[in-house]
């Protein structure tokens, strides 16, 4: 299921894989000053989640691909995603990189990655 929510300040997209119990969310701001990475990205992917019983079966990859396809349909050229080492293991950062995301902003145990769609 893909749901577009039109908020006053943004468009939010929710992609849900009900069969495998996973979801991902996307934020597309209307205002330039709200864009991720100081405007280098037009949207932000966040809240990727897959039920433990379905992890390791490419559910997350399919959710990411669905979110990226939906962003392309919306005319988005660049998307950002954040990784926080306090909440996610290092392999998640490397997984984002294998999907084509490149680190653009580094912080203490945090990274923001960018991908051109």
PDB file of N, CA and C in Angstrom:
ATOM      1  N   UNK A   1       0.843  -1.168   0.000  1.00  0.00           N
ATOM      2  CA  UNK A   1       0.000   0.000   0.000  1.00  0.00           C
ATOM      3  C   UNK A   1       0.895   1.240   0.000  1.00  0.00           C
ATOM      4  N   UNK A   2       0.531   2.211  -0.820  1.00  0.00           N
ATOM      5  CA  UNK A   2       1.224   3.488  -0.846  1.00  0.00           C
ATOM      6  C   UNK A   2       0.203   4.577  -0.588  1.00  0.00           C
ATOM      7  N   UNK A   3       0.489   5.391   0.403  1.00  0.00           N
ATOM      8  CA  UNK A   3      -0.440   6.453   0.801  1.00  0.00           C
ATOM      9  C   UNK A   3       0.286   7.795   0.749  1.00  0.00           C
ATOM     10  N   UNK A   4      -0.313   8.759   0.052  1.00  0.00           N
ATOM     11  CA  UNK A   4       0.205  10.124   0.024  1.00  0.00           C
ATOM     12  C   UNK A   4      -0.614  10.956   1.009  1.00  0.00           C
ATOM     13  N   UNK A   5       0.083  11.643   1.885  1.00  0.00           N
ATOM     14  CA  UNK A   5      -0.575  12.535   2.835  1.00  0.00           C
ATOM     15  C   UNK A   5      -0.129  13.952   2.528  1.00  0.00           C
ATOM     16  N   UNK A   6      -1.070  14.838   2.288  1.00  0.00           N
ATOM     17  CA  UNK A   6      -0.756  16.222   1.952  1.00  0.00           C
ATOM     18  C   UNK A   6      -0.914  17.078   3.206  1.00  0.00           C
ATOM     19  N   UNK A   7       0.223  17.485   3.743  1.00  0.00           N
ATOM     20  CA  UNK A   7       0.271  18.323   4.927  1.00  0.00           C
ATOM     21  C   UNK A   7       0.479  19.767   4.486  1.00  0.00           C
ATOM     22  N   UNK A   8       0.291  20.686   5.393  1.00  0.00           N
ATOM     23  CA  UNK A   8       0.470  22.099   5.077  1.00  0.00           C
ATOM     24  C   UNK A   8       1.900  22.401   4.615  1.00  0.00           C
ATOM     25  N   UNK A   9       2.879  21.778   5.253  1.00  0.00           N
ATOM     26  CA  UNK A   9       4.284  22.079   4.972  1.00  0.00           C
ATOM     27  C   UNK A   9       4.986  21.051   4.092  1.00  0.00           C
ATOM     28  N   UNK A  10       4.291  19.949   3.756  1.00  0.00           N
ATOM     29  CA  UNK A  10       4.986  18.867   3.066  1.00  0.00           C
ATOM     30  C   UNK A  10       4.017  17.840   2.503  1.00  0.00           C
ATOM     31  N   UNK A  11       4.604  16.915   1.764  1.00  0.00           N
ATOM     32  CA  UNK A  11       3.910  15.691   1.366  1.00  0.00           C
ATOM     33  C   UNK A  11       4.612  14.574   2.116  1.00  0.00           C
ATOM     34  N   UNK A  12       3.849  13.705   2.729  1.00  0.00           N
ATOM     35  CA  UNK A  12       4.404  12.534   3.394  1.00  0.00           C
ATOM     36  C   UNK A  12       3.897  11.315   2.649  1.00  0.00           C
ATOM     37  N   UNK A  13       4.799  10.393   2.395  1.00  0.00           N
ATOM     38  CA  UNK A  13       4.422   9.157   1.696  1.00  0.00           C
ATOM     39  C   UNK A  13       4.707   7.992   2.627  1.00  0.00           C
ATOM     40  N   UNK A  14       3.721   7.140   2.795  1.00  0.00           N
ATOM     41  CA  UNK A  14       3.857   5.933   3.600  1.00  0.00           C
ATOM     42  C   UNK A  14       3.748   4.733   2.671  1.00  0.00           C
ATOM     43  N   UNK A  15       4.772   3.891   2.694  1.00  0.00           N
ATOM     44  CA  UNK A  15       4.766   2.655   1.913  1.00  0.00           C
ATOM     45  C   UNK A  15       4.722   1.509   2.914  1.00  0.00           C
ATOM     46  N   UNK A  16       3.732   0.652   2.779  1.00  0.00           N
ATOM     47  CA  UNK A  16       3.549  -0.454   3.712  1.00  0.00           C
ATOM     48  C   UNK A  16       3.501  -1.771   2.964  1.00  0.00           C
ATOM     49  N   UNK A  17       4.261  -2.745   3.457  1.00  0.00           N
ATOM     50  CA  UNK A  17       4.200  -4.111   2.953  1.00  0.00           C
ATOM     51  C   UNK A  17       3.455  -4.907   4.015  1.00  0.00           C
ATOM     52  N   UNK A  18       2.156  -5.003   3.850  1.00  0.00           N
ATOM     53  CA  UNK A  18       1.322  -5.640   4.863  1.00  0.00           C
ATOM     54  C   UNK A  18       1.583  -7.136   4.965  1.00  0.00           C
ATOM     55  N   UNK A  19       1.985  -7.743   3.866  1.00  0.00           N
ATOM     56  CA  UNK A  19       2.251  -9.183   3.870  1.00  0.00           C
ATOM     57  C   UNK A  19       3.477  -9.514   4.722  1.00  0.00           C
ATOM     58  N   UNK A  20       4.509  -8.666   4.633  1.00  0.00           N
ATOM     59  CA  UNK A  20       5.744  -8.938   5.359  1.00  0.00           C
ATOM     60  C   UNK A  20       5.948  -8.021   6.563  1.00  0.00           C
ATOM     61  N   UNK A  21       4.944  -7.259   6.894  1.00  0.00           N
ATOM     62  CA  UNK A  21       4.974  -6.436   8.104  1.00  0.00           C
ATOM     63  C   UNK A  21       6.140  -5.454   8.110  1.00  0.00           C
ATOM     64  N   UNK A  22       6.194  -4.625   7.093  1.00  0.00           N
ATOM     65  CA  UNK A  22       7.232  -3.614   7.013  1.00  0.00           C
ATOM     66  C   UNK A  22       6.653  -2.304   6.522  1.00  0.00           C
ATOM     67  N   UNK A  23       7.373  -1.208   6.786  1.00  0.00           N
ATOM     68  CA  UNK A  23       6.933   0.097   6.312  1.00  0.00           C
ATOM     69  C   UNK A  23       8.117   1.043   6.201  1.00  0.00           C
ATOM     70  N   UNK A  24       7.909   2.103   5.442  1.00  0.00           N
ATOM     71  CA  UNK A  24       8.903   3.151   5.262  1.00  0.00           C
ATOM     72  C   UNK A  24       8.144   4.447   5.017  1.00  0.00           C
ATOM     73  N   UNK A  25       8.740   5.557   5.426  1.00  0.00           N
ATOM     74  CA  UNK A  25       8.089   6.843   5.245  1.00  0.00           C
ATOM     75  C   UNK A  25       9.016   7.801   4.510  1.00  0.00           C
ATOM     76  N   UNK A  26       8.408   8.749   3.802  1.00  0.00           N
ATOM     77  CA  UNK A  26       9.141   9.741   3.029  1.00  0.00           C
ATOM     78  C   UNK A  26       8.571  11.117   3.348  1.00  0.00           C
ATOM     79  N   UNK A  27       9.461  12.089   3.438  1.00  0.00           N
ATOM     80  CA  UNK A  27       9.101  13.480   3.702  1.00  0.00           C
ATOM     81  C   UNK A  27       9.573  14.319   2.517  1.00  0.00           C
ATOM     82  N   UNK A  28       8.633  15.019   1.871  1.00  0.00           N
ATOM     83  CA  UNK A  28       8.947  15.930   0.772  1.00  0.00           C
ATOM     84  C   UNK A  28       8.496  17.323   1.210  1.00  0.00           C
ATOM     85  N   UNK A  29       9.431  18.173   1.606  1.00  0.00           N
ATOM     86  CA  UNK A  29       9.037  19.504   2.083  1.00  0.00           C
ATOM     87  C   UNK A  29       8.621  20.420   0.937  1.00  0.00           C
ATOM     88  N   UNK A  30       7.700  21.322   1.227  1.00  0.00           N
ATOM     89  CA  UNK A  30       7.294  22.321   0.248  1.00  0.00           C
ATOM     90  C   UNK A  30       8.277  23.490   0.215  1.00  0.00           C
ATOM     91  N   UNK A  31       8.852  23.808   1.348  1.00  0.00           N
ATOM     92  CA  UNK A  31       9.743  24.971   1.451  1.00  0.00           C
ATOM     93  C   UNK A  31      11.201  24.557   1.248  1.00  0.00           C
ATOM     94  N   UNK A  32      11.930  25.331   0.499  1.00  0.00           N
ATOM     95  CA  UNK A  32      13.340  25.052   0.225  1.00  0.00           C
ATOM     96  C   UNK A  32      14.155  24.960   1.494  1.00  0.00           C
ATOM     97  N   UNK A  33      13.887  25.816   2.451  1.00  0.00           N
ATOM     98  CA  UNK A  33      14.669  25.826   3.690  1.00  0.00           C
ATOM     99  C   UNK A  33      14.462  24.579   4.544  1.00  0.00           C
ATOM    100  N   UNK A  34      13.451  23.785   4.261  1.00  0.00           N
ATOM    101  CA  UNK A  34      13.208  22.546   5.005  1.00  0.00           C
ATOM    102  C   UNK A  34      13.801  21.311   4.327  1.00  0.00           C
ATOM    103  N   UNK A  35      14.438  21.511   3.175  1.00  0.00           N
ATOM    104  CA  UNK A  35      15.009  20.370   2.455  1.00  0.00           C
ATOM    105  C   UNK A  35      16.236  19.835   3.187  1.00  0.00           C
ATOM    106  N   UNK A  36      16.440  18.515   3.160  1.00  0.00           N
ATOM    107  CA  UNK A  36      17.597  17.904   3.827  1.00  0.00           C
ATOM    108  C   UNK A  36      18.923  18.320   3.191  1.00  0.00           C
ATOM    109  N   UNK A  37      19.971  18.237   3.969  1.00  0.00           N
ATOM    110  CA  UNK A  37      21.338  18.527   3.516  1.00  0.00           C
ATOM    111  C   UNK A  37      21.438  19.917   2.888  1.00  0.00           C
ATOM    112  N   UNK A  38      20.841  20.888   3.551  1.00  0.00           N
ATOM    113  CA  UNK A  38      20.883  22.280   3.084  1.00  0.00           C
ATOM    114  C   UNK A  38      20.423  22.423   1.643  1.00  0.00           C
ATOM    115  N   UNK A  39      19.406  21.683   1.275  1.00  0.00           N
ATOM    116  CA  UNK A  39      18.829  21.785  -0.056  1.00  0.00           C
ATOM    117  C   UNK A  39      19.438  20.859  -1.098  1.00  0.00           C
ATOM    118  N   UNK A  40      20.457  20.090  -0.734  1.00  0.00           N
ATOM    119  CA  UNK A  40      21.058  19.148  -1.691  1.00  0.00           C
ATOM    120  C   UNK A  40      20.111  18.002  -1.999  1.00  0.00           C
ATOM    121  N   UNK A  41      19.209  17.705  -1.074  1.00  0.00           N
ATOM    122  CA  UNK A  41      18.212  16.646  -1.277  1.00  0.00           C
ATOM    123  C   UNK A  41      16.821  17.275  -1.310  1.00  0.00           C
ATOM    124  N   UNK A  42      15.963  16.707  -2.130  1.00  0.00           N
ATOM    125  CA  UNK A  42      14.596  17.200  -2.256  1.00  0.00           C
ATOM    126  C   UNK A  42      13.630  16.478  -1.319  1.00  0.00           C
ATOM    127  N   UNK A  43      14.090  15.359  -0.744  1.00  0.00           N
ATOM    128  CA  UNK A  43      13.219  14.548   0.115  1.00  0.00           C
ATOM    129  C   UNK A  43      14.080  13.773   1.108  1.00  0.00           C
ATOM    130  N   UNK A  44      13.424  13.240   2.121  1.00  0.00           N
ATOM    131  CA  UNK A  44      14.090  12.449   3.154  1.00  0.00           C
ATOM    132  C   UNK A  44      13.323  11.152   3.362  1.00  0.00           C
ATOM    133  N   UNK A  45      14.031  10.043   3.309  1.00  0.00           N
ATOM    134  CA  UNK A  45      13.461   8.736   3.648  1.00  0.00           C
ATOM    135  C   UNK A  45      13.745   8.496   5.124  1.00  0.00           C
ATOM    136  N   UNK A  46      12.743   8.032   5.860  1.00  0.00           N
ATOM    137  CA  UNK A  46      12.932   7.773   7.281  1.00  0.00           C
ATOM    138  C   UNK A  46      12.000   6.658   7.757  1.00  0.00           C
ATOM    139  N   UNK A  47      12.232   6.221   8.934  1.00  0.00           N
ATOM    140  CA  UNK A  47      11.384   5.218   9.611  1.00  0.00           C
ATOM    141  C   UNK A  47      11.222   3.921   8.834  1.00  0.00           C
ATOM    142  N   UNK A  48      12.316   3.394   8.339  1.00  0.00           N
ATOM    143  CA  UNK A  48      12.286   2.075   7.708  1.00  0.00           C
ATOM    144  C   UNK A  48      12.177   1.035   8.813  1.00  0.00           C
ATOM    145  N   UNK A  49      11.170   0.168   8.694  1.00  0.00           N
ATOM    146  CA  UNK A  49      10.958  -0.855   9.722  1.00  0.00           C
ATOM    147  C   UNK A  49      10.463  -2.139   9.066  1.00  0.00           C
ATOM    148  N   UNK A  50      11.014  -3.256   9.529  1.00  0.00           N
ATOM    149  CA  UNK A  50      10.569  -4.583   9.097  1.00  0.00           C
ATOM    150  C   UNK A  50      10.444  -5.441  10.346  1.00  0.00           C
ATOM    151  N   UNK A  51       9.356  -6.156  10.451  1.00  0.00           N
ATOM    152  CA  UNK A  51       9.141  -7.065  11.572  1.00  0.00           C
ATOM    153  C   UNK A  51      10.297  -8.069  11.647  1.00  0.00           C
ATOM    154  N   UNK A  52      10.742  -8.354  12.846  1.00  0.00           N
ATOM    155  CA  UNK A  52      11.890  -9.255  13.035  1.00  0.00           C
ATOM    156  C   UNK A  52      11.754 -10.579  12.310  1.00  0.00           C
ATOM    157  N   UNK A  53      10.569 -11.141  12.290  1.00  0.00           N
ATOM    158  CA  UNK A  53      10.350 -12.446  11.664  1.00  0.00           C
ATOM    159  C   UNK A  53      10.582 -12.406  10.153  1.00  0.00           C
ATOM    160  N   UNK A  54      10.570 -11.212   9.557  1.00  0.00           N
ATOM    161  CA  UNK A  54      10.696 -11.097   8.100  1.00  0.00           C
ATOM    162  C   UNK A  54      12.006 -10.431   7.673  1.00  0.00           C
ATOM    163  N   UNK A  55      12.885 -10.162   8.619  1.00  0.00           N
ATOM    164  CA  UNK A  55      14.172  -9.555   8.278  1.00  0.00           C
ATOM    165  C   UNK A  55      15.068 -10.584   7.606  1.00  0.00           C
ATOM    166  N   UNK A  56      15.953 -10.084   6.738  1.00  0.00           N
ATOM    167  CA  UNK A  56      16.868 -10.975   6.028  1.00  0.00           C
ATOM    168  C   UNK A  56      16.271 -11.582   4.773  1.00  0.00           C
ATOM    169  N   UNK A  57      15.091 -11.115   4.369  1.00  0.00           N
ATOM    170  CA  UNK A  57      14.420 -11.648   3.183  1.00  0.00           C
ATOM    171  C   UNK A  57      14.167 -10.563   2.141  1.00  0.00           C
ATOM    172  N   UNK A  58      14.972  -9.509   2.158  1.00  0.00           N
ATOM    173  CA  UNK A  58      14.929  -8.400   1.212  1.00  0.00           C
ATOM    174  C   UNK A  58      13.662  -7.552   1.282  1.00  0.00           C
ATOM    175  N   UNK A  59      12.918  -7.648   2.366  1.00  0.00           N
ATOM    176  CA  UNK A  59      11.725  -6.815   2.529  1.00  0.00           C
ATOM    177  C   UNK A  59      12.132  -5.340   2.573  1.00  0.00           C
ATOM    178  N   UNK A  60      13.167  -5.016   3.343  1.00  0.00           N
ATOM    179  CA  UNK A  60      13.622  -3.630   3.453  1.00  0.00           C
ATOM    180  C   UNK A  60      14.079  -3.099   2.097  1.00  0.00           C
ATOM    181  N   UNK A  61      14.773  -3.916   1.341  1.00  0.00           N
ATOM    182  CA  UNK A  61      15.236  -3.498   0.017  1.00  0.00           C
ATOM    183  C   UNK A  61      14.050  -3.176  -0.891  1.00  0.00           C
ATOM    184  N   UNK A  62      13.024  -4.004  -0.854  1.00  0.00           N
ATOM    185  CA  UNK A  62      11.835  -3.768  -1.673  1.00  0.00           C
ATOM    186  C   UNK A  62      11.098  -2.507  -1.233  1.00  0.00           C
ATOM    187  N   UNK A  63      11.069  -2.255   0.065  1.00  0.00           N
ATOM    188  CA  UNK A  63      10.439  -1.033   0.567  1.00  0.00           C
ATOM    189  C   UNK A  63      11.214   0.198   0.099  1.00  0.00           C
ATOM    190  N   UNK A  64      12.539   0.136   0.176  1.00  0.00           N
ATOM    191  CA  UNK A  64      13.374   1.247  -0.290  1.00  0.00           C
ATOM    192  C   UNK A  64      13.138   1.487  -1.780  1.00  0.00           C
ATOM    193  N   UNK A  65      13.110   0.428  -2.567  1.00  0.00           N
ATOM    194  CA  UNK A  65      12.889   0.560  -4.005  1.00  0.00           C
ATOM    195  C   UNK A  65      11.516   1.161  -4.303  1.00  0.00           C
ATOM    196  N   UNK A  66      10.512   0.742  -3.561  1.00  0.00           N
ATOM    197  CA  UNK A  66       9.165   1.284  -3.760  1.00  0.00           C
ATOM    198  C   UNK A  66       9.126   2.774  -3.399  1.00  0.00           C
ATOM    199  N   UNK A  67       9.790   3.147  -2.311  1.00  0.00           N
ATOM    200  CA  UNK A  67       9.838   4.561  -1.917  1.00  0.00           C
ATOM    201  C   UNK A  67      10.565   5.383  -2.971  1.00  0.00           C
ATOM    202  N   UNK A  68      11.664   4.868  -3.481  1.00  0.00           N
ATOM    203  CA  UNK A  68      12.421   5.589  -4.511  1.00  0.00           C
ATOM    204  C   UNK A  68      11.612   5.727  -5.802  1.00  0.00           C
ATOM    205  N   UNK A  69      10.898   4.686  -6.196  1.00  0.00           N
ATOM    206  CA  UNK A  69      10.041   4.764  -7.396  1.00  0.00           C
ATOM    207  C   UNK A  69       8.974   5.840  -7.221  1.00  0.00           C
ATOM    208  N   UNK A  70       8.390   5.867  -6.031  1.00  0.00           N
ATOM    209  CA  UNK A  70       7.342   6.852  -5.762  1.00  0.00           C
ATOM    210  C   UNK A  70       7.915   8.266  -5.778  1.00  0.00           C
ATOM    211  N   UNK A  71       9.128   8.432  -5.266  1.00  0.00           N
ATOM    212  CA  UNK A  71       9.781   9.740  -5.298  1.00  0.00           C
ATOM    213  C   UNK A  71      10.041  10.182  -6.738  1.00  0.00           C
ATOM    214  N   UNK A  72      10.477   9.261  -7.573  1.00  0.00           N
ATOM    215  CA  UNK A  72      10.706   9.590  -8.987  1.00  0.00           C
ATOM    216  C   UNK A  72       9.406  10.054  -9.638  1.00  0.00           C
ATOM    217  N   UNK A  73       8.297   9.377  -9.312  1.00  0.00           N
ATOM    218  CA  UNK A  73       6.991   9.770  -9.861  1.00  0.00           C
ATOM    219  C   UNK A  73       6.611  11.179  -9.440  1.00  0.00           C
ATOM    220  N   UNK A  74       7.103  11.591  -8.273  1.00  0.00           N
ATOM    221  CA  UNK A  74       6.827  12.938  -7.762  1.00  0.00           C
ATOM    222  C   UNK A  74       7.816  13.971  -8.297  1.00  0.00           C
ATOM    223  N   UNK A  75       8.753  13.545  -9.135  1.00  0.00           N
ATOM    224  CA  UNK A  75       9.717  14.461  -9.707  1.00  0.00           C
ATOM    225  C   UNK A  75      10.914  14.760  -8.826  1.00  0.00           C
ATOM    226  N   UNK A  76      11.160  13.933  -7.844  1.00  0.00           N
ATOM    227  CA  UNK A  76      12.286  14.129  -6.929  1.00  0.00           C
ATOM    228  C   UNK A  76      13.564  13.605  -7.580  1.00  0.00           C
ATOM    229  N   UNK A  77      14.627  14.412  -7.542  1.00  0.00           N
ATOM    230  CA  UNK A  77      15.895  14.037  -8.167  1.00  0.00           C
ATOM    231  C   UNK A  77      16.908  13.495  -7.163  1.00  0.00           C
ATOM    232  N   UNK A  78      16.884  14.012  -5.936  1.00  0.00           N
ATOM    233  CA  UNK A  78      17.861  13.611  -4.907  1.00  0.00           C
ATOM    234  C   UNK A  78      17.146  13.347  -3.593  1.00  0.00           C
ATOM    235  N   UNK A  79      17.537  12.258  -2.951  1.00  0.00           N
ATOM    236  CA  UNK A  79      16.907  11.886  -1.692  1.00  0.00           C
ATOM    237  C   UNK A  79      17.992  11.635  -0.641  1.00  0.00           C
ATOM    238  N   UNK A  80      17.674  11.968   0.594  1.00  0.00           N
ATOM    239  CA  UNK A  80      18.602  11.746   1.704  1.00  0.00           C
ATOM    240  C   UNK A  80      18.022  10.705   2.650  1.00  0.00           C
ATOM    241  N   UNK A  81      18.916  10.087   3.389  1.00  0.00           N
ATOM    242  CA  UNK A  81      18.524   9.168   4.450  1.00  0.00           C
ATOM    243  C   UNK A  81      19.547   9.333   5.569  1.00  0.00           C
ATOM    244  N   UNK A  82      19.093   9.251   6.795  1.00  0.00           N
ATOM    245  CA  UNK A  82      19.999   9.416   7.931  1.00  0.00           C
ATOM    246  C   UNK A  82      20.235   8.080   8.607  1.00  0.00           C
ATOM    247  N   UNK A  83      21.442   7.932   9.106  1.00  0.00           N
ATOM    248  CA  UNK A  83      21.817   6.754   9.895  1.00  0.00           C
ATOM    249  C   UNK A  83      22.335   7.249  11.232  1.00  0.00           C
ATOM    250  N   UNK A  84      21.833   6.661  12.291  1.00  0.00           N
ATOM    251  CA  UNK A  84      22.245   7.026  13.647  1.00  0.00           C
ATOM    252  C   UNK A  84      22.807   5.789  14.330  1.00  0.00           C
ATOM    253  N   UNK A  85      24.104   5.797  14.593  1.00  0.00           N
ATOM    254  CA  UNK A  85      24.779   4.659  15.205  1.00  0.00           C
ATOM    255  C   UNK A  85      24.341   4.358  16.620  1.00  0.00           C
ATOM    256  N   UNK A  86      23.611   5.276  17.241  1.00  0.00           N
ATOM    257  CA  UNK A  86      23.091   5.005  18.593  1.00  0.00           C
ATOM    258  C   UNK A  86      21.880   4.083  18.543  1.00  0.00           C
ATOM    259  N   UNK A  87      21.197   4.069  17.375  1.00  0.00           N
ATOM    260  CA  UNK A  87      19.991   3.258  17.224  1.00  0.00           C
ATOM    261  C   UNK A  87      20.150   2.103  16.244  1.00  0.00           C
ATOM    262  N   UNK A  88      21.118   2.216  15.328  1.00  0.00           N
ATOM    263  CA  UNK A  88      21.278   1.218  14.270  1.00  0.00           C
ATOM    264  C   UNK A  88      22.721   0.729  14.213  1.00  0.00           C
ATOM    265  N   UNK A  89      22.916  -0.550  13.961  1.00  0.00           N
ATOM    266  CA  UNK A  89      24.280  -1.076  13.846  1.00  0.00           C
ATOM    267  C   UNK A  89      24.977  -0.558  12.582  1.00  0.00           C
ATOM    268  N   UNK A  90      26.274  -0.656  12.555  1.00  0.00           N
ATOM    269  CA  UNK A  90      27.091  -0.169  11.445  1.00  0.00           C
ATOM    270  C   UNK A  90      26.739  -0.841  10.122  1.00  0.00           C
ATOM    271  N   UNK A  91      26.315  -2.105  10.173  1.00  0.00           N
ATOM    272  CA  UNK A  91      25.992  -2.789   8.929  1.00  0.00           C
ATOM    273  C   UNK A  91      24.842  -2.106   8.187  1.00  0.00           C
ATOM    274  N   UNK A  92      23.967  -1.390   8.907  1.00  0.00           N
ATOM    275  CA  UNK A  92      22.869  -0.672   8.259  1.00  0.00           C
ATOM    276  C   UNK A  92      23.431   0.453   7.392  1.00  0.00           C
ATOM    277  N   UNK A  93      24.428   1.174   7.905  1.00  0.00           N
ATOM    278  CA  UNK A  93      25.091   2.220   7.129  1.00  0.00           C
ATOM    279  C   UNK A  93      25.694   1.630   5.849  1.00  0.00           C
ATOM    280  N   UNK A  94      26.373   0.510   5.983  1.00  0.00           N
ATOM    281  CA  UNK A  94      26.978  -0.132   4.815  1.00  0.00           C
ATOM    282  C   UNK A  94      25.921  -0.642   3.834  1.00  0.00           C
ATOM    283  N   UNK A  95      24.789  -1.066   4.359  1.00  0.00           N
ATOM    284  CA  UNK A  95      23.683  -1.515   3.510  1.00  0.00           C
ATOM    285  C   UNK A  95      23.144  -0.351   2.691  1.00  0.00           C
ATOM    286  N   UNK A  96      22.969   0.822   3.307  1.00  0.00           N
ATOM    287  CA  UNK A  96      22.543   2.012   2.568  1.00  0.00           C
ATOM    288  C   UNK A  96      23.534   2.323   1.452  1.00  0.00           C
ATOM    289  N   UNK A  97      24.810   2.200   1.752  1.00  0.00           N
ATOM    290  CA  UNK A  97      25.839   2.479   0.756  1.00  0.00           C
ATOM    291  C   UNK A  97      25.743   1.493  -0.411  1.00  0.00           C
ATOM    292  N   UNK A  98      25.459   0.231  -0.139  1.00  0.00           N
ATOM    293  CA  UNK A  98      25.302  -0.757  -1.220  1.00  0.00           C
ATOM    294  C   UNK A  98      24.091  -0.449  -2.098  1.00  0.00           C
ATOM    295  N   UNK A  99      23.112   0.261  -1.517  1.00  0.00           N
ATOM    296  CA  UNK A  99      21.932   0.659  -2.287  1.00  0.00           C
ATOM    297  C   UNK A  99      22.178   1.928  -3.101  1.00  0.00           C
ATOM    298  N   UNK A 100      23.384   2.482  -3.003  1.00  0.00           N
ATOM    299  CA  UNK A 100      23.725   3.649  -3.809  1.00  0.00           C
ATOM    300  C   UNK A 100      23.760   4.969  -3.072  1.00  0.00           C
ATOM    301  N   UNK A 101      23.588   4.943  -1.769  1.00  0.00           N
ATOM    302  CA  UNK A 101      23.637   6.173  -0.972  1.00  0.00           C
ATOM    303  C   UNK A 101      25.086   6.481  -0.599  1.00  0.00           C
ATOM    304  N   UNK A 102      25.431   7.765  -0.642  1.00  0.00           N
ATOM    305  CA  UNK A 102      26.789   8.196  -0.321  1.00  0.00           C
ATOM    306  C   UNK A 102      26.753   9.159   0.852  1.00  0.00           C
ATOM    307  N   UNK A 103      27.699   8.990   1.774  1.00  0.00           N
ATOM    308  CA  UNK A 103      27.766   9.864   2.940  1.00  0.00           C
ATOM    309  C   UNK A 103      28.075  11.288   2.511  1.00  0.00           C
ATOM    310  N   UNK A 104      27.274  12.217   3.003  1.00  0.00           N
ATOM    311  CA  UNK A 104      27.465  13.627   2.692  1.00  0.00           C
ATOM    312  C   UNK A 104      27.735  14.442   3.954  1.00  0.00           C
ATOM    313  N   UNK A 105      27.146  14.060   5.052  1.00  0.00           N
ATOM    314  CA  UNK A 105      27.317  14.797   6.303  1.00  0.00           C
ATOM    315  C   UNK A 105      27.586  13.794   7.409  1.00  0.00           C
ATOM    316  N   UNK A 106      28.652  14.027   8.133  1.00  0.00           N
ATOM    317  CA  UNK A 106      29.045  13.130   9.206  1.00  0.00           C
ATOM    318  C   UNK A 106      28.943  13.851  10.535  1.00  0.00           C
ATOM    319  N   UNK A 107      28.528  13.142  11.533  1.00  0.00           N
ATOM    320  CA  UNK A 107      28.476  13.675  12.888  1.00  0.00           C
ATOM    321  C   UNK A 107      28.955  12.607  13.841  1.00  0.00           C
ATOM    322  N   UNK A 108      28.859  12.887  15.119  1.00  0.00           N
ATOM    323  CA  UNK A 108      29.251  11.901  16.119  1.00  0.00           C
ATOM    324  C   UNK A 108      28.264  10.739  16.074  1.00  0.00           C
ATOM    325  N   UNK A 109      28.695   9.606  15.561  1.00  0.00           N
ATOM    326  CA  UNK A 109      27.897   8.385  15.427  1.00  0.00           C
ATOM    327  C   UNK A 109      26.700   8.539  14.491  1.00  0.00           C
ATOM    328  N   UNK A 110      26.698   9.566  13.654  1.00  0.00           N
ATOM    329  CA  UNK A 110      25.583   9.809  12.747  1.00  0.00           C
ATOM    330  C   UNK A 110      26.106  10.141  11.347  1.00  0.00           C
ATOM    331  N   UNK A 111      25.322   9.792  10.350  1.00  0.00           N
ATOM    332  CA  UNK A 111      25.636  10.142   8.974  1.00  0.00           C
ATOM    333  C   UNK A 111      24.350  10.455   8.243  1.00  0.00           C
ATOM    334  N   UNK A 112      24.437  11.384   7.304  1.00  0.00           N
ATOM    335  CA  UNK A 112      23.342  11.628   6.371  1.00  0.00           C
ATOM    336  C   UNK A 112      23.869  11.287   4.999  1.00  0.00           C
ATOM    337  N   UNK A 113      23.132  10.458   4.296  1.00  0.00           N
ATOM    338  CA  UNK A 113      23.561   9.953   3.006  1.00  0.00           C
ATOM    339  C   UNK A 113      22.644  10.499   1.918  1.00  0.00           C
ATOM    340  N   UNK A 114      23.182  10.611   0.719  1.00  0.00           N
ATOM    341  CA  UNK A 114      22.452  11.185  -0.405  1.00  0.00           C
ATOM    342  C   UNK A 114      22.504  10.222  -1.592  1.00  0.00           C
ATOM    343  N   UNK A 115      21.393  10.191  -2.328  1.00  0.00           N
ATOM    344  CA  UNK A 115      21.340   9.371  -3.547  1.00  0.00           C
ATOM    345  C   UNK A 115      20.651  10.160  -4.629  1.00  0.00           C
ATOM    346  N   UNK A 116      21.246  10.154  -5.812  1.00  0.00           N
ATOM    347  CA  UNK A 116      20.607  10.751  -6.979  1.00  0.00           C
ATOM    348  C   UNK A 116      19.717   9.688  -7.607  1.00  0.00           C
ATOM    349  N   UNK A 117      18.440  10.016  -7.777  1.00  0.00           N
ATOM    350  CA  UNK A 117      17.497   9.068  -8.348  1.00  0.00           C
ATOM    351  C   UNK A 117      17.493   9.189  -9.850  1.00  0.00           C
TER     352      UNK A 117
END
